[in-house]
Amino acid sequence: MKRNVSMLLLCLAASLLGIGCGPGFKLNTPDGFVELEDQDEYAFRATTAQGVVMSVRVEPNRPKGNLSFWTDAIDLKLRNIGYTAEASREVKTKSGAVGKQLRYTRTIYDRPHIFWLTVFVTDADVFVLETGGDAREFDKAKDEVGKAIEGFVPG
């Protein structure tokens, strides 16, 4: 009987630990955005009423690469599919995480669009914060997006 109780407690503890497993991060939804429930391949996705979208993708850091490797890989892919690189800069969050932000433009349906990809790398995961939308609308949301990125905490 004691053995069954011990096994039950062990299984319960293991299942409770499993609840918190997986890639974790903290990101506050920017003011003016609403979080979307159906996120498919995203760990987080939110939008403004005007269509500016902010999302977070979390991928395993495999093959094991550093921030420079992952930002170069992302940059090459985006340039190859028609994005125009405008700028890149180092970012540091309030929690002390260091990342790199890549900024692009692209014309969609004859309208200029802006895209920011902010990348953070831990030993286990690569976090990509993607934000984009029509240039006119993006400009109105960029301060709130910047605040959200500053408050990001990779897990």
Protein backbone atom coordinates (compact mmCIF):
# COMPACT_ATOMS: atom_id res chain seq x y z
CA MET A 1 0.00 0.00 0.00
CA LYS A 2 2.82 2.40 0.92
CA ARG A 3 4.51 1.62 -2.37
CA ASN A 4 1.33 2.41 -4.32
CA VAL A 5 0.97 5.75 -2.52
CA SER A 6 4.63 6.58 -3.22
CA MET A 7 4.22 5.69 -6.89
CA LEU A 8 1.05 7.79 -7.10
CA LEU A 9 2.83 10.80 -5.56
CA LEU A 10 5.76 10.35 -7.92
CA CYS A 11 3.42 10.22 -10.95
CA LEU A 12 1.53 13.29 -9.71
CA ALA A 13 4.77 15.23 -9.23
CA ALA A 14 5.98 14.24 -12.70
CA SER A 15 2.70 15.32 -14.31
CA LEU A 16 2.76 18.66 -12.50
CA LEU A 17 6.31 19.29 -13.68
CA GLY A 18 5.23 18.49 -17.23
CA ILE A 19 2.68 21.30 -17.17
CA GLY A 20 5.45 23.88 -17.16
CA CYS A 21 7.66 22.17 -19.73
CA GLY A 22 8.32 23.53 -23.16
CA PRO A 23 9.59 26.87 -24.35
CA GLY A 24 8.63 29.64 -22.02
CA PHE A 25 8.73 33.39 -22.27
CA LYS A 26 6.96 36.45 -20.99
CA LEU A 27 5.53 39.09 -23.30
CA ASN A 28 2.87 41.63 -22.46
CA THR A 29 0.36 42.24 -25.24
CA PRO A 30 1.02 45.78 -26.51
CA ASP A 31 -1.64 48.44 -25.86
CA GLY A 32 -4.00 48.63 -28.81
CA PHE A 33 -3.51 44.93 -29.67
CA VAL A 34 -5.68 41.93 -28.87
CA GLU A 35 -4.26 38.44 -28.46
CA LEU A 36 -5.52 35.94 -30.99
CA GLU A 37 -6.60 32.53 -29.73
CA ASP A 38 -5.94 30.45 -32.86
CA GLN A 39 -2.18 30.80 -33.17
CA ASP A 40 -1.18 27.74 -35.26
CA GLU A 41 2.64 27.66 -35.37
CA TYR A 42 3.01 30.70 -33.14
CA ALA A 43 3.52 30.68 -29.38
CA PHE A 44 1.89 34.14 -29.28
CA ARG A 45 0.04 36.26 -31.83
CA ALA A 46 -1.78 39.57 -31.45
CA THR A 47 -3.18 42.19 -33.83
CA THR A 48 -4.49 45.74 -33.95
CA ALA A 49 -7.84 46.51 -35.55
CA GLN A 50 -5.88 47.97 -38.48
CA GLY A 51 -3.96 44.72 -39.12
CA VAL A 52 -0.57 45.32 -37.50
CA VAL A 53 0.44 41.92 -36.17
CA MET A 54 2.94 40.88 -33.48
CA SER A 55 3.83 37.25 -32.97
CA VAL A 56 6.40 35.04 -31.30
CA ARG A 57 7.84 31.87 -32.77
CA VAL A 58 9.88 29.55 -30.59
CA GLU A 59 12.11 26.98 -32.25
CA PRO A 60 14.65 24.58 -30.78
CA ASN A 61 18.21 25.89 -30.98
CA ARG A 62 19.21 23.03 -33.29
CA PRO A 63 21.65 23.00 -34.81
CA LYS A 64 23.12 24.81 -31.84
CA GLY A 65 23.81 28.34 -33.02
CA ASN A 66 24.45 31.73 -31.48
CA LEU A 67 22.63 35.00 -32.08
CA SER A 68 24.84 35.90 -35.05
CA PHE A 69 24.20 32.55 -36.76
CA TRP A 70 20.43 32.73 -36.38
CA THR A 71 20.08 36.37 -37.42
CA ASP A 72 22.24 35.71 -40.51
CA ALA A 73 20.11 32.67 -41.42
CA ILE A 74 16.88 34.62 -41.03
CA ASP A 75 18.25 37.61 -42.95
CA LEU A 76 19.35 35.44 -45.89
CA LYS A 77 15.96 33.74 -46.08
CA LEU A 78 14.02 37.02 -46.01
CA ARG A 79 16.23 38.69 -48.62
CA ASN A 80 15.83 35.64 -50.87
CA ILE A 81 12.03 35.92 -50.77
CA GLY A 82 11.89 39.62 -51.58
CA TYR A 83 12.23 41.56 -48.33
CA THR A 84 14.46 44.65 -48.44
CA ALA A 85 16.75 45.04 -45.44
CA GLU A 86 16.59 48.54 -43.98
CA ALA A 87 18.48 48.31 -40.68
CA SER A 88 19.67 46.05 -37.90
CA ARG A 89 20.46 46.87 -34.32
CA GLU A 90 21.25 45.25 -31.02
CA VAL A 91 18.43 45.27 -28.48
CA LYS A 92 18.54 44.73 -24.75
CA THR A 93 15.42 44.02 -22.74
CA LYS A 94 14.68 45.26 -19.23
CA SER A 95 15.43 41.71 -18.02
CA GLY A 96 18.92 41.94 -19.55
CA ALA A 97 18.35 39.65 -22.55
CA VAL A 98 20.41 40.68 -25.56
CA GLY A 99 19.00 40.22 -29.03
CA LYS A 100 19.17 41.63 -32.51
CA GLN A 101 16.44 43.39 -34.43
CA LEU A 102 16.27 43.17 -38.22
CA ARG A 103 14.08 45.72 -40.02
CA TYR A 104 12.68 45.21 -43.51
CA THR A 105 10.27 46.71 -46.01
CA ARG A 106 8.25 45.03 -48.71
CA THR A 107 5.53 46.17 -51.06
CA ILE A 108 2.33 44.14 -50.80
CA TYR A 109 -0.67 45.00 -53.00
CA ASP A 110 1.07 48.23 -54.04
CA ARG A 111 1.38 49.37 -50.41
CA PRO A 112 4.63 49.65 -48.44
CA HIS A 113 4.80 47.34 -45.42
CA ILE A 114 7.24 47.30 -42.51
CA PHE A 115 8.53 44.19 -40.76
CA TRP A 116 10.63 43.95 -37.61
CA LEU A 117 12.11 40.63 -36.55
CA THR A 118 13.71 40.61 -33.12
CA VAL A 119 15.73 37.51 -32.31
CA PHE A 120 16.80 36.17 -28.91
CA VAL A 121 18.78 32.95 -28.46
CA THR A 122 19.15 30.76 -25.39
CA ASP A 123 20.98 27.43 -25.12
CA ALA A 124 17.70 25.63 -25.73
CA ASP A 125 15.58 27.92 -27.93
CA VAL A 126 15.47 30.60 -30.61
CA PHE A 127 12.77 33.24 -30.03
CA VAL A 128 11.70 35.31 -33.02
CA LEU A 129 9.38 38.25 -32.34
CA GLU A 130 7.79 39.16 -35.67
CA THR A 131 5.93 42.44 -36.10
CA GLY A 132 4.60 43.86 -39.31
CA GLY A 133 1.92 45.66 -41.20
CA ASP A 134 1.05 48.45 -43.58
CA ALA A 135 3.58 51.26 -43.12
CA ARG A 136 0.95 53.87 -42.20
CA GLU A 137 -0.57 51.67 -39.51
CA PHE A 138 2.73 50.26 -38.31
CA ASP A 139 4.04 53.75 -37.64
CA LYS A 140 1.12 54.36 -35.24
CA ALA A 141 1.82 51.12 -33.32
CA LYS A 142 5.63 51.08 -33.25
CA ASP A 143 6.03 52.76 -29.83
CA GLU A 144 3.82 50.14 -28.17
CA VAL A 145 5.61 47.38 -30.07
CA GLY A 146 8.93 48.74 -28.82
CA LYS A 147 7.69 48.70 -25.22
CA ALA A 148 6.55 45.09 -25.57
CA ILE A 149 9.93 44.05 -26.97
CA GLU A 150 11.73 45.86 -24.11
CA GLY A 151 9.62 43.85 -21.65
CA PHE A 152 10.20 40.48 -23.35
CA VAL A 153 11.70 37.76 -21.14
CA PRO A 154 12.95 34.65 -22.93
CA GLY A 155 12.56 31.44 -20.92
